Amino acid sequence: MSISNAELLRKATLTTSDFGGAGEAPLSVEQVKQFLVLMAANQTFLPDTRTVTANANKWVESIVDFGGRITRGGAEATRLGESERAKPTTGNVEISTVLLRAEVPVSDEAMEDNVAEEGFANDLERMIANQFGFDVEELLVNGDTASADTYLKLLDGWLKQAEGTGGHVLDAETLGQDYQTIFKRLLMSIPNRFRGTLRQDGRFYVPQALEDLYRDQLSSRGTPLGDFTLEDGSKTLRYMGIEIKGSASMIVSAGTPDKGHVLLTNRNNLYQGWRRQMTIETFRDPREGATSFIVTARVDAEVAIAEATAIAKNVNVEPE
């Protein structure tokens, strides 16, 4: 039976009867889907990329895709020639999830002081869901098993995989803030067979600082478009028809200058794998005088076809 987001939040926050004490039944499939939607609401990658779920910790997703046109001119009673037949790209994406857990203790005093405050419980749970979603996105994007950060080293994320075997890597060290050249070189490095869907589902994923800088560059043009770009920050930026999406979760390395990545790919080429058995639990420990809100999930990040990605590293995102 479907459950509204408001009810889901209320149950997770105020009672233990539906989600139990520690270790009891996980959320239903429908509740997991709705919690995923709730977590993704304020993120960039989570609502945009391909979500796959299973009941196992590890599984295989079959992929079938086309890199371009499959339709040809036909002749009556004549089959297409061998060179005119479109062969799909097929293969497997192996999902191997890692365990994540968030535990947020709230003191009895905070609960008592705010119990009469309308919306406190929902606000608290929304904040937990939003931060958990941001943390998951940060891992899926920036994960690196060689990282010194114990959280990010849990898995190799999309950026690390795009820089690996099969991907197209551009070192933008000498290009400064010539973002149009960076976008152009990334686009030109994608094989033709993968470009057919980029205007529809392709994305230039960039750090939020880069989107702001590029928007400012466009606004300096003495044209109505330049004025509109500056005045209307909600206007979607595009290069060659491909959407540019700024993300706060893409890590920028502080330095002289600050540096980040730009990733170009079809959004459906980025897989986020979730084990369906997610739990949201509350547990009160009278010894601590606090109620803990505990979220447990298993996730993985996979790039389906590395050849269909292009990534720029050492991109200058230094604020002016």
C-alpha atoms as a PDB file:
ATOM      1  CA  MET A   1       0.000   0.000   0.000  1.00  0.00           C
ATOM      2  CA  SER A   2       1.313   3.437  -0.918  1.00  0.00           C
ATOM      3  CA  ILE A   3       2.361   5.796   1.862  1.00  0.00           C
ATOM      4  CA  SER A   4       2.608   9.575   1.499  1.00  0.00           C
ATOM      5  CA  ASN A   5       5.895  11.360   2.098  1.00  0.00           C
ATOM      6  CA  ALA A   6       4.362  13.201   5.029  1.00  0.00           C
ATOM      7  CA  GLU A   7       3.214   9.959   6.628  1.00  0.00           C
ATOM      8  CA  LEU A   8       6.564   8.313   5.952  1.00  0.00           C
ATOM      9  CA  LEU A   9       8.353  11.146   7.711  1.00  0.00           C
ATOM     10  CA  ARG A  10       5.929  11.167  10.610  1.00  0.00           C
ATOM     11  CA  LYS A  11       6.248   7.447  11.170  1.00  0.00           C
ATOM     12  CA  ALA A  12      10.036   7.474  10.925  1.00  0.00           C
ATOM     13  CA  THR A  13      10.349  10.356  13.333  1.00  0.00           C
ATOM     14  CA  LEU A  14       7.661   9.884  15.952  1.00  0.00           C
ATOM     15  CA  THR A  15       7.138   6.147  16.374  1.00  0.00           C
ATOM     16  CA  THR A  16       8.964   2.857  16.389  1.00  0.00           C
ATOM     17  CA  SER A  17       5.939   0.705  15.599  1.00  0.00           C
ATOM     18  CA  ASP A  18       6.414   0.834  11.832  1.00  0.00           C
ATOM     19  CA  PHE A  19      10.189   0.789  11.629  1.00  0.00           C
ATOM     20  CA  GLY A  20      10.780  -0.957  14.928  1.00  0.00           C
ATOM     21  CA  GLY A  21      13.625  -0.777  17.347  1.00  0.00           C
ATOM     22  CA  ALA A  22      17.073  -1.555  16.048  1.00  0.00           C
ATOM     23  CA  GLY A  23      17.215  -4.547  13.733  1.00  0.00           C
ATOM     24  CA  GLU A  24      13.527  -4.902  12.872  1.00  0.00           C
ATOM     25  CA  ALA A  25      11.787  -4.995   9.482  1.00  0.00           C
ATOM     26  CA  PRO A  26      13.117  -2.772   6.654  1.00  0.00           C
ATOM     27  CA  LEU A  27      11.015  -0.379   4.617  1.00  0.00           C
ATOM     28  CA  SER A  28       8.737  -1.789   1.965  1.00  0.00           C
ATOM     29  CA  VAL A  29       9.760  -1.458  -1.691  1.00  0.00           C
ATOM     30  CA  GLU A  30       7.258   1.381  -2.120  1.00  0.00           C
ATOM     31  CA  GLN A  31       8.564   3.212   0.942  1.00  0.00           C
ATOM     32  CA  VAL A  32      12.166   2.822  -0.234  1.00  0.00           C
ATOM     33  CA  LYS A  33      11.248   4.335  -3.598  1.00  0.00           C
ATOM     34  CA  GLN A  34       9.598   7.290  -1.907  1.00  0.00           C
ATOM     35  CA  PHE A  35      12.513   7.810   0.463  1.00  0.00           C
ATOM     36  CA  LEU A  36      14.889   7.786  -2.519  1.00  0.00           C
ATOM     37  CA  VAL A  37      12.758  10.492  -4.125  1.00  0.00           C
ATOM     38  CA  LEU A  38      12.832  12.480  -0.892  1.00  0.00           C
ATOM     39  CA  MET A  39      16.622  12.201  -0.595  1.00  0.00           C
ATOM     40  CA  ALA A  40      17.139  13.173  -4.236  1.00  0.00           C
ATOM     41  CA  ALA A  41      14.898  16.237  -4.140  1.00  0.00           C
ATOM     42  CA  ASN A  42      17.677  18.793  -3.528  1.00  0.00           C
ATOM     43  CA  GLN A  43      20.561  16.944  -5.177  1.00  0.00           C
ATOM     44  CA  THR A  44      21.959  17.082  -8.732  1.00  0.00           C
ATOM     45  CA  PHE A  45      22.994  13.550  -9.664  1.00  0.00           C
ATOM     46  CA  LEU A  46      20.541  11.436  -7.666  1.00  0.00           C
ATOM     47  CA  PRO A  47      17.365  12.503  -9.514  1.00  0.00           C
ATOM     48  CA  ASP A  48      19.148  12.735 -12.866  1.00  0.00           C
ATOM     49  CA  THR A  49      21.054   9.457 -13.219  1.00  0.00           C
ATOM     50  CA  ARG A  50      19.842   5.883 -13.627  1.00  0.00           C
ATOM     51  CA  THR A  51      18.600   4.211 -10.425  1.00  0.00           C
ATOM     52  CA  VAL A  52      18.588   0.410 -10.160  1.00  0.00           C
ATOM     53  CA  THR A  53      17.546  -1.661  -7.154  1.00  0.00           C
ATOM     54  CA  ALA A  54      17.646  -5.299  -6.085  1.00  0.00           C
ATOM     55  CA  ASN A  55      17.182  -7.398  -2.962  1.00  0.00           C
ATOM     56  CA  ALA A  56      20.781  -8.646  -3.089  1.00  0.00           C
ATOM     57  CA  ASN A  57      24.006  -6.888  -2.087  1.00  0.00           C
ATOM     58  CA  LYS A  58      25.520  -7.770  -5.474  1.00  0.00           C
ATOM     59  CA  TRP A  59      23.844  -8.259  -8.823  1.00  0.00           C
ATOM     60  CA  VAL A  60      24.268  -7.777 -12.566  1.00  0.00           C
ATOM     61  CA  GLU A  61      22.327  -5.318 -14.724  1.00  0.00           C
ATOM     62  CA  SER A  62      22.108  -6.094 -18.436  1.00  0.00           C
ATOM     63  CA  ILE A  63      22.555  -3.089 -20.713  1.00  0.00           C
ATOM     64  CA  VAL A  64      21.298  -2.641 -24.253  1.00  0.00           C
ATOM     65  CA  ASP A  65      21.798   0.714 -25.914  1.00  0.00           C
ATOM     66  CA  PHE A  66      22.117   2.337 -29.317  1.00  0.00           C
ATOM     67  CA  GLY A  67      24.776   4.863 -30.156  1.00  0.00           C
ATOM     68  CA  GLY A  68      22.819   6.539 -32.937  1.00  0.00           C
ATOM     69  CA  ARG A  69      20.348   6.097 -35.800  1.00  0.00           C
ATOM     70  CA  ILE A  70      18.917   2.628 -36.426  1.00  0.00           C
ATOM     71  CA  THR A  71      16.483   3.533 -39.223  1.00  0.00           C
ATOM     72  CA  ARG A  72      17.344   3.384 -42.943  1.00  0.00           C
ATOM     73  CA  GLY A  73      15.549   3.832 -46.208  1.00  0.00           C
ATOM     74  CA  GLY A  74      13.785   0.641 -47.267  1.00  0.00           C
ATOM     75  CA  ALA A  75      12.973  -1.123 -50.512  1.00  0.00           C
ATOM     76  CA  GLU A  76       9.926  -3.313 -51.076  1.00  0.00           C
ATOM     77  CA  ALA A  77      10.509  -7.009 -50.314  1.00  0.00           C
ATOM     78  CA  THR A  78      14.190  -6.364 -49.633  1.00  0.00           C
ATOM     79  CA  ARG A  79      15.920  -6.688 -46.310  1.00  0.00           C
ATOM     80  CA  LEU A  80      18.532  -4.155 -45.242  1.00  0.00           C
ATOM     81  CA  GLY A  81      22.131  -4.828 -46.131  1.00  0.00           C
ATOM     82  CA  GLU A  82      24.479  -5.993 -43.427  1.00  0.00           C
ATOM     83  CA  SER A  83      26.180  -2.593 -43.177  1.00  0.00           C
ATOM     84  CA  GLU A  84      22.789  -0.906 -42.678  1.00  0.00           C
ATOM     85  CA  ARG A  85      21.708  -3.036 -39.748  1.00  0.00           C
ATOM     86  CA  ALA A  86      22.115  -1.362 -36.362  1.00  0.00           C
ATOM     87  CA  LYS A  87      23.828  -3.425 -33.696  1.00  0.00           C
ATOM     88  CA  PRO A  88      23.001  -2.472 -30.116  1.00  0.00           C
ATOM     89  CA  THR A  89      25.651  -2.045 -27.484  1.00  0.00           C
ATOM     90  CA  THR A  90      25.210  -4.910 -25.039  1.00  0.00           C
ATOM     91  CA  GLY A  91      26.935  -5.932 -21.863  1.00  0.00           C
ATOM     92  CA  ASN A  92      26.630  -6.160 -18.111  1.00  0.00           C
ATOM     93  CA  VAL A  93      26.975  -3.683 -15.283  1.00  0.00           C
ATOM     94  CA  GLU A  94      28.084  -5.347 -12.059  1.00  0.00           C
ATOM     95  CA  ILE A  95      26.605  -3.714  -8.961  1.00  0.00           C
ATOM     96  CA  SER A  96      28.422  -4.382  -5.684  1.00  0.00           C
ATOM     97  CA  THR A  97      27.013  -2.274  -2.861  1.00  0.00           C
ATOM     98  CA  VAL A  98      28.725  -0.957   0.242  1.00  0.00           C
ATOM     99  CA  LEU A  99      27.026  -0.428   3.598  1.00  0.00           C
ATOM    100  CA  LEU A 100      26.230   3.098   4.765  1.00  0.00           C
ATOM    101  CA  ARG A 101      24.770   4.087   8.108  1.00  0.00           C
ATOM    102  CA  ALA A 102      23.787   7.449   9.549  1.00  0.00           C
ATOM    103  CA  GLU A 103      22.968   7.841  13.232  1.00  0.00           C
ATOM    104  CA  VAL A 104      21.593  11.145  14.520  1.00  0.00           C
ATOM    105  CA  PRO A 105      20.966  11.361  18.294  1.00  0.00           C
ATOM    106  CA  VAL A 106      18.501  14.026  19.458  1.00  0.00           C
ATOM    107  CA  SER A 107      18.449  14.775  23.183  1.00  0.00           C
ATOM    108  CA  ASP A 108      15.338  14.328  25.289  1.00  0.00           C
ATOM    109  CA  GLU A 109      15.516  18.022  26.145  1.00  0.00           C
ATOM    110  CA  ALA A 110      15.425  19.034  22.466  1.00  0.00           C
ATOM    111  CA  MET A 111      12.467  16.740  21.858  1.00  0.00           C
ATOM    112  CA  GLU A 112      10.617  18.041  24.922  1.00  0.00           C
ATOM    113  CA  ASP A 113      11.316  21.691  24.110  1.00  0.00           C
ATOM    114  CA  ASN A 114      10.005  21.310  20.583  1.00  0.00           C
ATOM    115  CA  VAL A 115       7.245  18.733  20.996  1.00  0.00           C
ATOM    116  CA  ALA A 116       4.560  21.377  20.838  1.00  0.00           C
ATOM    117  CA  GLU A 117       6.172  23.085  17.859  1.00  0.00           C
ATOM    118  CA  GLU A 118       4.136  22.232  14.781  1.00  0.00           C
ATOM    119  CA  GLY A 119       6.204  20.637  12.038  1.00  0.00           C
ATOM    120  CA  PHE A 120       9.307  20.001  14.178  1.00  0.00           C
ATOM    121  CA  ALA A 121       9.261  16.241  13.584  1.00  0.00           C
ATOM    122  CA  ASN A 122       8.776  16.573   9.843  1.00  0.00           C
ATOM    123  CA  ASP A 123      11.437  19.270   9.578  1.00  0.00           C
ATOM    124  CA  LEU A 124      13.896  17.088  11.476  1.00  0.00           C
ATOM    125  CA  GLU A 125      13.306  14.068   9.287  1.00  0.00           C
ATOM    126  CA  ARG A 126      13.484  16.133   6.104  1.00  0.00           C
ATOM    127  CA  MET A 127      16.837  17.520   7.211  1.00  0.00           C
ATOM    128  CA  ILE A 128      18.119  14.004   7.901  1.00  0.00           C
ATOM    129  CA  ALA A 129      16.866  12.735   4.538  1.00  0.00           C
ATOM    130  CA  ASN A 130      18.344  15.699   2.670  1.00  0.00           C
ATOM    131  CA  GLN A 131      21.768  15.405   4.320  1.00  0.00           C
ATOM    132  CA  PHE A 132      21.842  11.633   3.862  1.00  0.00           C
ATOM    133  CA  GLY A 133      21.024  12.162   0.181  1.00  0.00           C
ATOM    134  CA  PHE A 134      23.810  14.725  -0.188  1.00  0.00           C
ATOM    135  CA  ASP A 135      26.294  12.411   1.549  1.00  0.00           C
ATOM    136  CA  VAL A 136      25.356   9.509  -0.733  1.00  0.00           C
ATOM    137  CA  GLU A 137      25.693  11.698  -3.825  1.00  0.00           C
ATOM    138  CA  GLU A 138      29.085  12.926  -2.639  1.00  0.00           C
ATOM    139  CA  LEU A 139      30.270   9.318  -2.374  1.00  0.00           C
ATOM    140  CA  LEU A 140      28.837   8.230  -5.729  1.00  0.00           C
ATOM    141  CA  VAL A 141      30.463  11.194  -7.461  1.00  0.00           C
ATOM    142  CA  ASN A 142      33.819  11.544  -5.684  1.00  0.00           C
ATOM    143  CA  GLY A 143      34.452   8.093  -4.227  1.00  0.00           C
ATOM    144  CA  ASP A 144      38.061   6.903  -4.562  1.00  0.00           C
ATOM    145  CA  THR A 145      39.394   3.752  -2.920  1.00  0.00           C
ATOM    146  CA  ALA A 146      42.834   5.419  -2.801  1.00  0.00           C
ATOM    147  CA  SER A 147      41.509   8.458  -0.896  1.00  0.00           C
ATOM    148  CA  ALA A 148      42.744   9.387   2.561  1.00  0.00           C
ATOM    149  CA  ASP A 149      39.113  10.164   3.453  1.00  0.00           C
ATOM    150  CA  THR A 150      37.721   7.033   5.123  1.00  0.00           C
ATOM    151  CA  TYR A 151      34.227   7.734   3.790  1.00  0.00           C
ATOM    152  CA  LEU A 152      35.189   8.450   0.175  1.00  0.00           C
ATOM    153  CA  LYS A 153      37.460   5.403   0.029  1.00  0.00           C
ATOM    154  CA  LEU A 154      34.448   3.073   0.365  1.00  0.00           C
ATOM    155  CA  LEU A 155      34.148   2.831  -3.428  1.00  0.00           C
ATOM    156  CA  ASP A 156      35.310   4.302  -6.731  1.00  0.00           C
ATOM    157  CA  GLY A 157      32.783   6.882  -7.861  1.00  0.00           C
ATOM    158  CA  TRP A 158      31.776   8.097 -11.303  1.00  0.00           C
ATOM    159  CA  LEU A 159      34.628  10.612 -11.640  1.00  0.00           C
ATOM    160  CA  LYS A 160      37.296   8.056 -10.738  1.00  0.00           C
ATOM    161  CA  GLN A 161      35.802   5.487 -13.119  1.00  0.00           C
ATOM    162  CA  ALA A 162      35.588   8.033 -15.954  1.00  0.00           C
ATOM    163  CA  GLU A 163      39.315   8.709 -15.550  1.00  0.00           C
ATOM    164  CA  GLY A 164      40.040   4.985 -15.827  1.00  0.00           C
ATOM    165  CA  THR A 165      40.418   2.557 -18.695  1.00  0.00           C
ATOM    166  CA  GLY A 166      38.267   3.356 -21.718  1.00  0.00           C
ATOM    167  CA  GLY A 167      37.330   6.898 -20.695  1.00  0.00           C
ATOM    168  CA  HIS A 168      38.463  10.043 -22.511  1.00  0.00           C
ATOM    169  CA  VAL A 169      40.530  12.279 -20.232  1.00  0.00           C
ATOM    170  CA  LEU A 170      41.475  15.918 -20.844  1.00  0.00           C
ATOM    171  CA  ASP A 171      44.058  17.671 -18.678  1.00  0.00           C
ATOM    172  CA  ALA A 172      42.785  21.264 -18.595  1.00  0.00           C
ATOM    173  CA  GLU A 173      45.745  22.615 -16.617  1.00  0.00           C
ATOM    174  CA  THR A 174      46.769  25.111 -19.320  1.00  0.00           C
ATOM    175  CA  LEU A 175      43.269  26.154 -20.423  1.00  0.00           C
ATOM    176  CA  GLY A 176      42.546  28.432 -17.474  1.00  0.00           C
ATOM    177  CA  GLN A 177      38.883  29.424 -17.400  1.00  0.00           C
ATOM    178  CA  ASP A 178      38.313  28.947 -21.119  1.00  0.00           C
ATOM    179  CA  TYR A 179      35.318  26.763 -20.393  1.00  0.00           C
ATOM    180  CA  GLN A 180      33.961  26.771 -23.937  1.00  0.00           C
ATOM    181  CA  THR A 181      37.203  25.212 -25.190  1.00  0.00           C
ATOM    182  CA  ILE A 182      36.985  22.598 -22.434  1.00  0.00           C
ATOM    183  CA  PHE A 183      33.379  21.781 -23.350  1.00  0.00           C
ATOM    184  CA  LYS A 184      34.288  21.593 -27.037  1.00  0.00           C
ATOM    185  CA  ARG A 185      37.249  19.247 -26.525  1.00  0.00           C
ATOM    186  CA  LEU A 186      35.226  16.948 -24.306  1.00  0.00           C
ATOM    187  CA  LEU A 187      32.417  16.781 -26.844  1.00  0.00           C
ATOM    188  CA  MET A 188      34.807  16.111 -29.717  1.00  0.00           C
ATOM    189  CA  SER A 189      36.429  13.257 -27.773  1.00  0.00           C
ATOM    190  CA  ILE A 190      33.151  11.324 -27.457  1.00  0.00           C
ATOM    191  CA  PRO A 191      32.871   8.761 -30.297  1.00  0.00           C
ATOM    192  CA  ASN A 192      30.220   9.625 -32.886  1.00  0.00           C
ATOM    193  CA  ARG A 193      28.123   6.588 -32.052  1.00  0.00           C
ATOM    194  CA  PHE A 194      27.517   7.920 -28.545  1.00  0.00           C
ATOM    195  CA  ARG A 195      26.746  11.515 -29.530  1.00  0.00           C
ATOM    196  CA  GLY A 196      23.295  10.898 -30.956  1.00  0.00           C
ATOM    197  CA  THR A 197      21.493  11.194 -27.615  1.00  0.00           C
ATOM    198  CA  LEU A 198      23.651  13.841 -25.940  1.00  0.00           C
ATOM    199  CA  ARG A 199      21.408  16.784 -26.798  1.00  0.00           C
ATOM    200  CA  GLN A 200      18.516  14.996 -25.148  1.00  0.00           C
ATOM    201  CA  ASP A 201      20.111  13.153 -22.237  1.00  0.00           C
ATOM    202  CA  GLY A 202      23.723  14.347 -22.231  1.00  0.00           C
ATOM    203  CA  ARG A 203      25.073  16.410 -19.357  1.00  0.00           C
ATOM    204  CA  PHE A 204      28.127  18.492 -18.620  1.00  0.00           C
ATOM    205  CA  TYR A 205      28.329  17.928 -14.870  1.00  0.00           C
ATOM    206  CA  VAL A 206      30.402  20.716 -13.319  1.00  0.00           C
ATOM    207  CA  PRO A 207      31.171  22.095  -9.843  1.00  0.00           C
ATOM    208  CA  GLN A 208      28.674  24.739  -8.787  1.00  0.00           C
ATOM    209  CA  ALA A 209      31.456  27.341  -8.784  1.00  0.00           C
ATOM    210  CA  LEU A 210      32.168  26.641 -12.456  1.00  0.00           C
ATOM    211  CA  GLU A 211      28.525  27.071 -13.433  1.00  0.00           C
ATOM    212  CA  ASP A 212      28.483  30.424 -11.641  1.00  0.00           C
ATOM    213  CA  LEU A 213      31.710  31.546 -13.332  1.00  0.00           C
ATOM    214  CA  TYR A 214      30.517  30.462 -16.771  1.00  0.00           C
ATOM    215  CA  ARG A 215      27.186  32.189 -16.251  1.00  0.00           C
ATOM    216  CA  ASP A 216      29.092  35.363 -15.388  1.00  0.00           C
ATOM    217  CA  GLN A 217      31.210  34.998 -18.537  1.00  0.00           C
ATOM    218  CA  LEU A 218      28.101  34.749 -20.685  1.00  0.00           C
ATOM    219  CA  SER A 219      26.513  37.712 -18.945  1.00  0.00           C
ATOM    220  CA  SER A 220      29.454  39.947 -19.921  1.00  0.00           C
ATOM    221  CA  ARG A 221      28.418  39.724 -23.561  1.00  0.00           C
ATOM    222  CA  GLY A 222      26.716  42.865 -24.788  1.00  0.00           C
ATOM    223  CA  THR A 223      23.599  41.038 -25.935  1.00  0.00           C
ATOM    224  CA  PRO A 224      20.075  40.471 -24.580  1.00  0.00           C
ATOM    225  CA  LEU A 225      21.081  36.856 -23.914  1.00  0.00           C
ATOM    226  CA  GLY A 226      23.969  38.031 -21.774  1.00  0.00           C
ATOM    227  CA  ASP A 227      21.696  40.225 -19.650  1.00  0.00           C
ATOM    228  CA  PHE A 228      19.123  37.467 -19.315  1.00  0.00           C
ATOM    229  CA  THR A 229      21.752  34.920 -18.248  1.00  0.00           C
ATOM    230  CA  LEU A 230      22.841  37.151 -15.398  1.00  0.00           C
ATOM    231  CA  GLU A 231      19.379  38.263 -14.292  1.00  0.00           C
ATOM    232  CA  ASP A 232      17.665  34.860 -14.482  1.00  0.00           C
ATOM    233  CA  GLY A 233      19.836  32.421 -12.555  1.00  0.00           C
ATOM    234  CA  SER A 234      17.271  29.666 -13.145  1.00  0.00           C
ATOM    235  CA  LYS A 235      17.886  29.647 -16.903  1.00  0.00           C
ATOM    236  CA  THR A 236      19.413  26.344 -17.976  1.00  0.00           C
ATOM    237  CA  LEU A 237      22.889  26.735 -19.438  1.00  0.00           C
ATOM    238  CA  ARG A 238      23.782  24.693 -22.513  1.00  0.00           C
ATOM    239  CA  TYR A 239      26.719  24.143 -24.804  1.00  0.00           C
ATOM    240  CA  MET A 240      25.877  22.843 -28.279  1.00  0.00           C
ATOM    241  CA  GLY A 241      22.432  21.995 -26.935  1.00  0.00           C
ATOM    242  CA  ILE A 242      23.832  19.881 -24.072  1.00  0.00           C
ATOM    243  CA  GLU A 243      22.753  20.874 -20.580  1.00  0.00           C
ATOM    244  CA  ILE A 244      25.348  22.152 -18.108  1.00  0.00           C
ATOM    245  CA  LYS A 245      24.477  21.116 -14.541  1.00  0.00           C
ATOM    246  CA  GLY A 246      26.262  22.590 -11.565  1.00  0.00           C
ATOM    247  CA  SER A 247      26.623  20.372  -8.514  1.00  0.00           C
ATOM    248  CA  ALA A 248      27.574  21.236  -4.956  1.00  0.00           C
ATOM    249  CA  SER A 249      28.656  17.627  -4.414  1.00  0.00           C
ATOM    250  CA  MET A 250      31.533  17.763  -6.919  1.00  0.00           C
ATOM    251  CA  ILE A 251      34.586  18.357  -4.760  1.00  0.00           C
ATOM    252  CA  VAL A 252      36.793  21.339  -5.558  1.00  0.00           C
ATOM    253  CA  SER A 253      40.409  21.028  -4.441  1.00  0.00           C
ATOM    254  CA  ALA A 254      41.681  24.201  -2.808  1.00  0.00           C
ATOM    255  CA  GLY A 255      44.892  25.548  -4.271  1.00  0.00           C
ATOM    256  CA  THR A 256      46.311  28.194  -6.559  1.00  0.00           C
ATOM    257  CA  PRO A 257      44.029  28.043  -8.411  1.00  0.00           C
ATOM    258  CA  ASP A 258      41.162  25.932  -7.034  1.00  0.00           C
ATOM    259  CA  LYS A 259      40.612  22.932  -9.304  1.00  0.00           C
ATOM    260  CA  GLY A 260      37.738  20.633 -10.188  1.00  0.00           C
ATOM    261  CA  HIS A 261      36.383  18.247 -12.819  1.00  0.00           C
ATOM    262  CA  VAL A 262      33.966  18.470 -15.721  1.00  0.00           C
ATOM    263  CA  LEU A 263      32.207  15.241 -16.713  1.00  0.00           C
ATOM    264  CA  LEU A 264      30.391  14.792 -20.024  1.00  0.00           C
ATOM    265  CA  THR A 265      28.226  11.728 -20.570  1.00  0.00           C
ATOM    266  CA  ASN A 266      24.673  10.540 -21.105  1.00  0.00           C
ATOM    267  CA  ARG A 267      22.982  10.730 -17.713  1.00  0.00           C
ATOM    268  CA  ASN A 268      21.677   7.172 -18.181  1.00  0.00           C
ATOM    269  CA  ASN A 269      25.270   5.967 -18.413  1.00  0.00           C
ATOM    270  CA  LEU A 270      25.722   6.633 -14.687  1.00  0.00           C
ATOM    271  CA  TYR A 271      24.210   3.878 -12.530  1.00  0.00           C
ATOM    272  CA  GLN A 272      23.338   4.260  -8.859  1.00  0.00           C
ATOM    273  CA  GLY A 273      22.623   0.867  -7.339  1.00  0.00           C
ATOM    274  CA  TRP A 274      20.542   0.515  -4.174  1.00  0.00           C
ATOM    275  CA  ARG A 275      19.756  -2.586  -2.189  1.00  0.00           C
ATOM    276  CA  ARG A 276      16.000  -2.472  -1.595  1.00  0.00           C
ATOM    277  CA  GLN A 277      16.295  -3.453   2.053  1.00  0.00           C
ATOM    278  CA  MET A 278      16.817   0.048   3.411  1.00  0.00           C
ATOM    279  CA  THR A 279      15.912   0.808   7.036  1.00  0.00           C
ATOM    280  CA  ILE A 280      14.878   3.945   8.871  1.00  0.00           C
ATOM    281  CA  GLU A 281      14.685   3.353  12.603  1.00  0.00           C
ATOM    282  CA  THR A 282      14.337   5.235  15.852  1.00  0.00           C
ATOM    283  CA  PHE A 283      15.920   4.035  19.074  1.00  0.00           C
ATOM    284  CA  ARG A 284      15.781   5.714  22.449  1.00  0.00           C
ATOM    285  CA  ASP A 285      18.578   5.037  24.893  1.00  0.00           C
ATOM    286  CA  PRO A 286      17.598   6.268  28.378  1.00  0.00           C
ATOM    287  CA  ARG A 287      21.217   6.003  29.488  1.00  0.00           C
ATOM    288  CA  GLU A 288      22.153   8.715  27.005  1.00  0.00           C
ATOM    289  CA  GLY A 289      18.892  10.594  27.344  1.00  0.00           C
ATOM    290  CA  ALA A 290      18.542  10.745  23.572  1.00  0.00           C
ATOM    291  CA  THR A 291      16.579   9.271  20.690  1.00  0.00           C
ATOM    292  CA  SER A 292      18.674   8.220  17.715  1.00  0.00           C
ATOM    293  CA  PHE A 293      17.395   8.337  14.156  1.00  0.00           C
ATOM    294  CA  ILE A 294      19.219   5.658  12.158  1.00  0.00           C
ATOM    295  CA  VAL A 295      19.290   5.300   8.371  1.00  0.00           C
ATOM    296  CA  THR A 296      20.931   2.237   6.826  1.00  0.00           C
ATOM    297  CA  ALA A 297      21.451   1.633   3.112  1.00  0.00           C
ATOM    298  CA  ARG A 298      23.661  -0.222   0.652  1.00  0.00           C
ATOM    299  CA  VAL A 299      24.753   1.668  -2.479  1.00  0.00           C
ATOM    300  CA  ASP A 300      27.106   1.491  -5.438  1.00  0.00           C
ATOM    301  CA  ALA A 301      28.160   3.721  -8.345  1.00  0.00           C
ATOM    302  CA  GLU A 302      28.956   2.326 -11.786  1.00  0.00           C
ATOM    303  CA  VAL A 303      29.698   3.779 -15.215  1.00  0.00           C
ATOM    304  CA  ALA A 304      28.026   1.491 -17.740  1.00  0.00           C
ATOM    305  CA  ILE A 305      30.160   2.336 -20.800  1.00  0.00           C
ATOM    306  CA  ALA A 306      33.448   4.095 -20.054  1.00  0.00           C
ATOM    307  CA  GLU A 307      33.983   4.905 -23.736  1.00  0.00           C
ATOM    308  CA  ALA A 308      30.851   7.080 -23.636  1.00  0.00           C
ATOM    309  CA  THR A 309      32.380   9.405 -21.019  1.00  0.00           C
ATOM    310  CA  ALA A 310      34.750  12.350 -21.324  1.00  0.00           C
ATOM    311  CA  ILE A 311      36.227  14.045 -18.288  1.00  0.00           C
ATOM    312  CA  ALA A 312      38.383  17.116 -17.789  1.00  0.00           C
ATOM    313  CA  LYS A 313      40.626  17.312 -14.744  1.00  0.00           C
ATOM    314  CA  ASN A 314      42.573  20.233 -13.252  1.00  0.00           C
ATOM    315  CA  VAL A 315      39.871  22.672 -14.357  1.00  0.00           C
ATOM    316  CA  ASN A 316      40.374  26.186 -12.963  1.00  0.00           C
ATOM    317  CA  VAL A 317      37.376  27.131 -10.818  1.00  0.00           C
ATOM    318  CA  GLU A 318      39.064  29.910  -8.838  1.00  0.00           C
ATOM    319  CA  PRO A 319      36.519  32.608  -7.873  1.00  0.00           C
ATOM    320  CA  GLU A 320      37.489  36.015  -9.212  1.00  0.00           C
END
